[in-house]
Amino acid sequence: MLDVGDPAPDFTLQNQDGESESLSDHHGRWVVLYFYPKADTPGCTVQACGVRDRAQEYKRADAVVLGVSPDSVAAIRKFVQKYGLPFTLLADPEHAVAERYGVWVEKSMYGRTYWGNSRTTFIVDPQGVVRHVIPKVSPKTHDDEVLAALAALH
């Protein structure tokens, strides 16, 4: 997994509107890059709605929020529309970006193993350097942790 001080690898993925979006499009701004397992599942919904509900706080922190999952563009579009999410979600169905960030991991549930995104958040500074990492994010406390880290980094 990437660590504090590492350059954040640039990438280009499709957003919920099917348009290409790159990390470098946001150069010069703080970026909250969060990886989540699957759109419209309980934990991911809590996390995404938390970001939605505190969107003004992210804006005041001059931070762009990008959520990345292995879902299709259609699935993330539906998720954004269903919950009125005012930030960008990106489709990483080939999990290439998750792999580059070291968050594509083997998981286990009910005795079954499978691969998926580890719920992890990276805060990237305006120059493209990772300044904070939150591994094993709790959806309920995600925004508190991220906004506190942004405040400390400014």
C-alpha atoms as a PDB file:
ATOM      1  CA  MET A   1       0.000   0.000   0.000  1.00  0.00           C
ATOM      2  CA  LEU A   2       1.136   3.545  -0.667  1.00  0.00           C
ATOM      3  CA  ASP A   3       2.425   5.455   2.326  1.00  0.00           C
ATOM      4  CA  VAL A   4       2.757   9.074   3.417  1.00  0.00           C
ATOM      5  CA  GLY A   5       5.337  10.832   1.249  1.00  0.00           C
ATOM      6  CA  ASP A   6       4.796   8.603  -1.794  1.00  0.00           C
ATOM      7  CA  PRO A   7       3.770  10.254  -5.040  1.00  0.00           C
ATOM      8  CA  ALA A   8       0.147   9.367  -5.805  1.00  0.00           C
ATOM      9  CA  PRO A   9       0.114   7.444  -9.094  1.00  0.00           C
ATOM     10  CA  ASP A  10      -1.853   9.268 -11.759  1.00  0.00           C
ATOM     11  CA  PHE A  11      -4.693   7.380 -13.397  1.00  0.00           C
ATOM     12  CA  THR A  12      -7.621   7.911 -15.726  1.00  0.00           C
ATOM     13  CA  LEU A  13     -10.984   6.236 -15.098  1.00  0.00           C
ATOM     14  CA  GLN A  14     -14.556   6.849 -16.191  1.00  0.00           C
ATOM     15  CA  ASN A  15     -16.781   8.790 -13.815  1.00  0.00           C
ATOM     16  CA  GLN A  16     -20.503   8.275 -13.222  1.00  0.00           C
ATOM     17  CA  ASP A  17     -21.252  10.214 -16.400  1.00  0.00           C
ATOM     18  CA  GLY A  18     -19.008   7.971 -18.515  1.00  0.00           C
ATOM     19  CA  GLU A  19     -16.435  10.756 -18.923  1.00  0.00           C
ATOM     20  CA  SER A  20     -12.707  10.205 -18.460  1.00  0.00           C
ATOM     21  CA  GLU A  21     -11.297  11.773 -15.320  1.00  0.00           C
ATOM     22  CA  SER A  22      -7.702  11.735 -14.118  1.00  0.00           C
ATOM     23  CA  LEU A  23      -6.140  12.382 -10.748  1.00  0.00           C
ATOM     24  CA  SER A  24      -3.931  14.964 -12.473  1.00  0.00           C
ATOM     25  CA  ASP A  25      -7.089  16.903 -13.487  1.00  0.00           C
ATOM     26  CA  HIS A  26      -7.157  18.027  -9.863  1.00  0.00           C
ATOM     27  CA  HIS A  27      -3.508  19.103  -9.591  1.00  0.00           C
ATOM     28  CA  GLY A  28      -3.290  22.152  -7.362  1.00  0.00           C
ATOM     29  CA  ARG A  29      -6.101  20.980  -5.049  1.00  0.00           C
ATOM     30  CA  TRP A  30      -6.296  18.627  -2.098  1.00  0.00           C
ATOM     31  CA  VAL A  31      -7.822  15.297  -3.137  1.00  0.00           C
ATOM     32  CA  VAL A  32      -9.574  12.835  -0.859  1.00  0.00           C
ATOM     33  CA  LEU A  33      -9.240   9.572  -2.768  1.00  0.00           C
ATOM     34  CA  TYR A  34     -11.295   6.863  -1.163  1.00  0.00           C
ATOM     35  CA  PHE A  35     -11.532   3.260  -2.237  1.00  0.00           C
ATOM     36  CA  TYR A  36     -14.700   1.382  -1.339  1.00  0.00           C
ATOM     37  CA  PRO A  37     -15.834  -2.193  -2.039  1.00  0.00           C
ATOM     38  CA  LYS A  38     -19.206  -1.921  -3.821  1.00  0.00           C
ATOM     39  CA  ALA A  39     -21.795   0.724  -4.657  1.00  0.00           C
ATOM     40  CA  ASP A  40     -25.162   0.635  -2.908  1.00  0.00           C
ATOM     41  CA  THR A  41     -24.155  -1.809  -0.169  1.00  0.00           C
ATOM     42  CA  PRO A  42     -24.756  -0.909   3.501  1.00  0.00           C
ATOM     43  CA  GLY A  43     -21.264   0.255   4.557  1.00  0.00           C
ATOM     44  CA  CYS A  44     -20.527   1.974   1.270  1.00  0.00           C
ATOM     45  CA  THR A  45     -23.846   3.811   1.393  1.00  0.00           C
ATOM     46  CA  VAL A  46     -23.152   5.052   4.939  1.00  0.00           C
ATOM     47  CA  GLN A  47     -19.712   6.248   3.815  1.00  0.00           C
ATOM     48  CA  ALA A  48     -20.916   7.960   0.617  1.00  0.00           C
ATOM     49  CA  CYS A  49     -23.883   9.632   2.345  1.00  0.00           C
ATOM     50  CA  GLY A  50     -21.536  10.879   5.059  1.00  0.00           C
ATOM     51  CA  VAL A  51     -19.411  12.609   2.421  1.00  0.00           C
ATOM     52  CA  ARG A  52     -22.592  13.959   0.810  1.00  0.00           C
ATOM     53  CA  ASP A  53     -23.904  15.319   4.095  1.00  0.00           C
ATOM     54  CA  ARG A  54     -20.618  17.082   4.852  1.00  0.00           C
ATOM     55  CA  ALA A  55     -19.913  18.296   1.311  1.00  0.00           C
ATOM     56  CA  GLN A  56     -19.710  21.934   2.445  1.00  0.00           C
ATOM     57  CA  GLU A  57     -16.985  21.042   4.945  1.00  0.00           C
ATOM     58  CA  TYR A  58     -14.959  19.354   2.189  1.00  0.00           C
ATOM     59  CA  LYS A  59     -15.490  22.423   0.021  1.00  0.00           C
ATOM     60  CA  ARG A  60     -14.264  24.724   2.821  1.00  0.00           C
ATOM     61  CA  ALA A  61     -11.184  22.505   3.138  1.00  0.00           C
ATOM     62  CA  ASP A  62     -10.649  23.031  -0.635  1.00  0.00           C
ATOM     63  CA  ALA A  63     -10.757  19.258  -1.127  1.00  0.00           C
ATOM     64  CA  VAL A  64     -12.045  17.301  -4.100  1.00  0.00           C
ATOM     65  CA  VAL A  65     -13.530  13.928  -3.176  1.00  0.00           C
ATOM     66  CA  LEU A  66     -13.111  10.976  -5.536  1.00  0.00           C
ATOM     67  CA  GLY A  67     -14.568   7.570  -4.684  1.00  0.00           C
ATOM     68  CA  VAL A  68     -13.204   4.511  -6.512  1.00  0.00           C
ATOM     69  CA  SER A  69     -14.787   1.059  -6.706  1.00  0.00           C
ATOM     70  CA  PRO A  70     -14.637  -1.940  -9.043  1.00  0.00           C
ATOM     71  CA  ASP A  71     -18.226  -1.235 -10.103  1.00  0.00           C
ATOM     72  CA  SER A  72     -19.343  -0.451 -13.657  1.00  0.00           C
ATOM     73  CA  VAL A  73     -20.161   3.084 -14.795  1.00  0.00           C
ATOM     74  CA  ALA A  74     -23.858   2.129 -14.825  1.00  0.00           C
ATOM     75  CA  ALA A  75     -23.706   0.929 -11.204  1.00  0.00           C
ATOM     76  CA  ILE A  76     -21.992   4.072  -9.920  1.00  0.00           C
ATOM     77  CA  ARG A  77     -24.346   6.308 -11.941  1.00  0.00           C
ATOM     78  CA  LYS A  78     -27.315   4.582 -10.284  1.00  0.00           C
ATOM     79  CA  PHE A  79     -25.661   4.950  -6.836  1.00  0.00           C
ATOM     80  CA  VAL A  80     -25.050   8.691  -7.381  1.00  0.00           C
ATOM     81  CA  GLN A  81     -28.620   9.253  -8.565  1.00  0.00           C
ATOM     82  CA  LYS A  82     -30.234   7.175  -5.812  1.00  0.00           C
ATOM     83  CA  TYR A  83     -28.497   9.069  -2.990  1.00  0.00           C
ATOM     84  CA  GLY A  84     -27.907  12.480  -4.617  1.00  0.00           C
ATOM     85  CA  LEU A  85     -24.137  12.248  -4.233  1.00  0.00           C
ATOM     86  CA  PRO A  86     -22.533  15.626  -5.088  1.00  0.00           C
ATOM     87  CA  PHE A  87     -19.024  14.288  -5.714  1.00  0.00           C
ATOM     88  CA  THR A  88     -17.303  12.108  -8.284  1.00  0.00           C
ATOM     89  CA  LEU A  89     -17.323   8.339  -8.274  1.00  0.00           C
ATOM     90  CA  LEU A  90     -14.966   6.472 -10.577  1.00  0.00           C
ATOM     91  CA  ALA A  91     -15.361   3.010 -12.088  1.00  0.00           C
ATOM     92  CA  ASP A  92     -12.305   0.732 -11.771  1.00  0.00           C
ATOM     93  CA  PRO A  93     -13.789  -2.569 -13.044  1.00  0.00           C
ATOM     94  CA  GLU A  94     -10.372  -3.952 -13.955  1.00  0.00           C
ATOM     95  CA  HIS A  95      -9.143  -2.897 -10.461  1.00  0.00           C
ATOM     96  CA  ALA A  96      -5.938  -1.538 -12.026  1.00  0.00           C
ATOM     97  CA  VAL A  97      -5.970   1.637  -9.924  1.00  0.00           C
ATOM     98  CA  ALA A  98      -6.803  -0.266  -6.725  1.00  0.00           C
ATOM     99  CA  GLU A  99      -3.826  -2.533  -7.444  1.00  0.00           C
ATOM    100  CA  ARG A 100      -1.486   0.434  -8.039  1.00  0.00           C
ATOM    101  CA  TYR A 101      -2.542   1.911  -4.691  1.00  0.00           C
ATOM    102  CA  GLY A 102      -2.165  -1.452  -2.943  1.00  0.00           C
ATOM    103  CA  VAL A 103      -5.777  -1.756  -1.832  1.00  0.00           C
ATOM    104  CA  TRP A 104      -6.915  -4.698  -4.011  1.00  0.00           C
ATOM    105  CA  VAL A 105      -6.775  -7.470  -1.432  1.00  0.00           C
ATOM    106  CA  GLU A 106      -7.987 -10.966  -0.725  1.00  0.00           C
ATOM    107  CA  LYS A 107     -10.942 -10.912   1.662  1.00  0.00           C
ATOM    108  CA  SER A 108     -12.956 -13.510   3.474  1.00  0.00           C
ATOM    109  CA  MET A 109     -16.655 -13.549   4.361  1.00  0.00           C
ATOM    110  CA  TYR A 110     -18.680 -16.470   5.639  1.00  0.00           C
ATOM    111  CA  GLY A 111     -15.794 -18.824   4.902  1.00  0.00           C
ATOM    112  CA  ARG A 112     -15.540 -17.723   1.273  1.00  0.00           C
ATOM    113  CA  THR A 113     -12.487 -15.897  -0.042  1.00  0.00           C
ATOM    114  CA  TYR A 114     -12.650 -13.315  -2.812  1.00  0.00           C
ATOM    115  CA  TRP A 115     -10.787 -10.226  -4.038  1.00  0.00           C
ATOM    116  CA  GLY A 116     -11.967  -6.663  -3.546  1.00  0.00           C
ATOM    117  CA  ASN A 117     -11.122  -3.120  -2.505  1.00  0.00           C
ATOM    118  CA  SER A 118      -9.931  -2.639   1.038  1.00  0.00           C
ATOM    119  CA  ARG A 119     -11.824   0.376   2.388  1.00  0.00           C
ATOM    120  CA  THR A 120      -8.921   2.860   2.396  1.00  0.00           C
ATOM    121  CA  THR A 121      -8.654   6.647   2.048  1.00  0.00           C
ATOM    122  CA  PHE A 122      -5.658   8.617   0.782  1.00  0.00           C
ATOM    123  CA  ILE A 123      -5.329  12.372   1.166  1.00  0.00           C
ATOM    124  CA  VAL A 124      -3.248  13.754  -1.691  1.00  0.00           C
ATOM    125  CA  ASP A 125      -1.752  17.237  -1.520  1.00  0.00           C
ATOM    126  CA  PRO A 126      -1.934  19.839  -4.313  1.00  0.00           C
ATOM    127  CA  GLN A 127       1.439  18.627  -5.670  1.00  0.00           C
ATOM    128  CA  GLY A 128       0.246  15.011  -5.961  1.00  0.00           C
ATOM    129  CA  VAL A 129       1.941  13.567  -2.862  1.00  0.00           C
ATOM    130  CA  VAL A 130       0.180  11.284  -0.385  1.00  0.00           C
ATOM    131  CA  ARG A 131      -0.007  13.200   2.918  1.00  0.00           C
ATOM    132  CA  HIS A 132      -2.315  10.962   4.970  1.00  0.00           C
ATOM    133  CA  VAL A 133      -3.574   7.366   4.760  1.00  0.00           C
ATOM    134  CA  ILE A 134      -6.535   5.890   6.604  1.00  0.00           C
ATOM    135  CA  PRO A 135      -6.492   2.092   6.275  1.00  0.00           C
ATOM    136  CA  LYS A 136      -9.457  -0.063   7.274  1.00  0.00           C
ATOM    137  CA  VAL A 137     -11.811   2.923   7.250  1.00  0.00           C
ATOM    138  CA  SER A 138     -14.934   2.826   9.398  1.00  0.00           C
ATOM    139  CA  PRO A 139     -17.801   4.211   7.293  1.00  0.00           C
ATOM    140  CA  LYS A 140     -19.337   5.897  10.358  1.00  0.00           C
ATOM    141  CA  THR A 141     -16.194   7.826  11.368  1.00  0.00           C
ATOM    142  CA  HIS A 142     -14.698   8.344   7.895  1.00  0.00           C
ATOM    143  CA  ASP A 143     -15.624  12.024   7.535  1.00  0.00           C
ATOM    144  CA  ASP A 144     -14.492  12.952  11.049  1.00  0.00           C
ATOM    145  CA  GLU A 145     -11.098  11.361  10.394  1.00  0.00           C
ATOM    146  CA  VAL A 146     -10.658  12.854   6.919  1.00  0.00           C
ATOM    147  CA  LEU A 147     -11.764  16.374   7.845  1.00  0.00           C
ATOM    148  CA  ALA A 148      -9.547  16.360  10.962  1.00  0.00           C
ATOM    149  CA  ALA A 149      -6.584  15.250   8.851  1.00  0.00           C
ATOM    150  CA  LEU A 150      -7.270  17.948   6.244  1.00  0.00           C
ATOM    151  CA  ALA A 151      -7.453  20.588   8.992  1.00  0.00           C
ATOM    152  CA  ALA A 152      -4.134  19.392  10.445  1.00  0.00           C
ATOM    153  CA  LEU A 153      -2.465  19.359   7.013  1.00  0.00           C
ATOM    154  CA  HIS A 154      -3.543  22.887   5.997  1.00  0.00           C
END
